[in-house]
């Protein structure tokens, strides 16, 4: 009888383990189809100072030709490449050196999001930038970018930019 009870307990432990492992595996599969959250942000800063123009690019991405400001931004990036970025009030600086007629406006019809990763190429460190397709932007600088981008593997220290093209930024993740 004692032996039967020990076998029964062992069977309960084994079955419980199998069920638990199966449940964890199912959860992992569901999470991996959407990707794990890699990066989430609540702030961006507009291009200004020495980053305006092509003189001091960040990871190979040039700053816009004039200073920009931003009211708010948020976004997230998953390991599957799902990218969501929302910007509000991404407009030319409301001050000189921006011409008076353009101050506080967005003259660009579409914005793209650029994900910059530090990775390895041929065993050496490298920067790889991938961009979303263009998304409509309002004249008041509001836009929502929802895209899938092909992230390099690995993708270390991602930075997210918003700009008019894959080579130019108006706002970047960070604090001003």
Foldseek 3Di string as FASTA:
>chain_A
DVVVVVVVVVVVVVVVVVVVVVVVVVVVVVCPVVAAWDDKAKAKAFDDDPQAADPDDDQQAGEHNATWGFDIKIWTAGPQQKIKIKTFQTAGDQDPPPPNVRHQWDPAQWKKKKKWFFDDDPNHTGIDIWIFDTFGADRRGTTIDTGGTDDDPPGPPIKMFMDRDSRYGGIIPDDD
